[in-house]
Amino acid sequence: MKTAVFLYNPESGKGKIARNVGCISTIFQAYGYDVTPQRIDFTANPFDGNETIDLMVVAGGDGTVNYAVNAMKRKGLDIPIGVICVRLHSHHDLQQI
């Protein structure tokens, strides 16, 4: 089975992502991933201990995605990142995609 970390910001989307972690994880499990949900901690590298995963799924705003991508590059890793954008009716570039 492939491994994935579901990195999410519980503050994004007015808590909607945090309330649906189980449902989102179940979807990835249906596609063959052993998923580990992980709340984002902006003081730690989310790839510490996750250097060999097959996929990092990031849910949050552009700051969360930026943090995850830079954390991966600081460790010299090249792991696919899936993004679940949380739209908050703001004008952030990434959220407008």
Protein backbone atom coordinates (compact mmCIF):
# COMPACT_ATOMS: atom_id res chain seq x y z
CA MET A 1 0.00 0.00 0.00
CA LYS A 2 1.20 3.52 -0.77
CA THR A 3 1.67 5.95 2.09
CA ALA A 4 0.40 9.51 2.37
CA VAL A 5 0.26 12.25 4.94
CA PHE A 6 -2.80 14.48 4.98
CA LEU A 7 -1.44 17.78 6.29
CA TYR A 8 -4.19 20.22 7.16
CA ASN A 9 -4.67 23.58 8.75
CA PRO A 10 -7.58 23.26 11.21
CA GLU A 11 -8.20 27.01 11.03
CA SER A 12 -8.76 27.02 7.25
CA GLY A 13 -12.23 27.17 5.84
CA LYS A 14 -13.70 28.11 9.20
CA GLY A 15 -12.82 24.62 10.48
CA LYS A 16 -14.51 22.75 7.63
CA ILE A 17 -11.37 20.75 6.76
CA ALA A 18 -10.83 19.76 10.41
CA ARG A 19 -14.42 18.54 10.67
CA ASN A 20 -13.98 16.35 7.57
CA VAL A 21 -10.54 14.80 8.11
CA GLY A 22 -12.07 11.32 8.42
CA CYS A 23 -14.05 11.62 5.19
CA ILE A 24 -11.11 13.01 3.24
CA SER A 25 -8.82 10.27 4.54
CA THR A 26 -11.36 7.62 3.55
CA ILE A 27 -11.35 8.86 -0.04
CA PHE A 28 -7.56 8.48 -0.29
CA GLN A 29 -7.75 5.06 1.38
CA ALA A 30 -10.20 3.97 -1.31
CA TYR A 31 -7.45 4.72 -3.83
CA GLY A 32 -4.87 2.58 -2.07
CA TYR A 33 -3.21 5.00 0.33
CA ASP A 34 -2.43 4.39 3.97
CA VAL A 35 -3.20 7.93 5.18
CA THR A 36 -1.90 9.63 8.30
CA PRO A 37 -3.76 12.87 9.13
CA GLN A 38 -1.48 15.53 10.59
CA ARG A 39 -2.42 18.99 11.83
CA ILE A 40 0.04 21.59 10.61
CA ASP A 41 2.53 22.89 13.13
CA PHE A 42 4.26 25.95 11.69
CA THR A 43 7.18 25.45 14.11
CA ALA A 44 8.08 21.98 12.82
CA ASN A 45 8.96 20.43 9.47
CA PRO A 46 6.01 18.21 8.43
CA PHE A 47 8.44 15.98 6.54
CA ASP A 48 10.41 15.04 9.67
CA GLY A 49 9.74 11.32 9.97
CA ASN A 50 7.87 11.37 6.66
CA GLU A 51 10.83 11.30 4.28
CA THR A 52 9.73 8.12 2.51
CA ILE A 53 6.02 8.78 1.96
CA ASP A 54 4.55 8.50 -1.53
CA LEU A 55 2.30 11.57 -1.31
CA MET A 56 1.74 14.67 0.82
CA VAL A 57 -1.79 16.06 0.61
CA VAL A 58 -2.04 19.63 1.90
CA ALA A 59 -5.33 21.31 2.81
CA GLY A 60 -5.41 24.96 3.67
CA GLY A 61 -4.73 28.34 2.24
CA ASP A 62 -1.75 29.55 0.26
CA GLY A 63 0.32 29.99 3.44
CA THR A 64 -0.14 26.34 4.37
CA VAL A 65 0.79 25.16 0.88
CA ASN A 66 3.79 27.49 0.75
CA TYR A 67 4.99 26.22 4.12
CA ALA A 68 4.71 22.57 3.05
CA VAL A 69 6.51 23.06 -0.27
CA ASN A 70 9.37 24.99 1.33
CA ALA A 71 9.66 22.45 4.16
CA MET A 72 10.00 19.65 1.60
CA LYS A 73 12.68 21.53 -0.35
CA ARG A 74 14.63 22.34 2.85
CA LYS A 75 14.94 18.59 3.41
CA GLY A 76 16.01 18.02 -0.20
CA LEU A 77 12.99 15.80 -0.92
CA ASP A 78 10.99 15.43 -4.11
CA ILE A 79 7.61 14.06 -3.05
CA PRO A 80 4.38 14.68 -4.98
CA ILE A 81 2.11 17.17 -3.23
CA GLY A 82 -1.64 17.23 -3.69
CA VAL A 83 -3.44 20.45 -2.79
CA ILE A 84 -6.96 20.87 -1.46
CA CYS A 85 -7.55 24.61 -1.66
CA VAL A 86 -9.80 26.10 0.94
CA ARG A 87 -11.54 29.14 -0.43
CA LEU A 88 -12.33 31.79 2.14
CA HIS A 89 -13.70 34.42 -0.23
CA SER A 90 -10.36 36.19 -0.17
CA HIS A 91 -8.16 37.38 -2.99
CA HIS A 92 -5.12 35.15 -2.48
CA ASP A 93 -3.65 34.09 -5.82
CA LEU A 94 -3.53 30.37 -5.10
CA GLN A 95 -7.11 30.26 -3.89
CA GLN A 96 -8.31 31.80 -7.13
CA ILE A 97 -7.10 28.85 -9.25
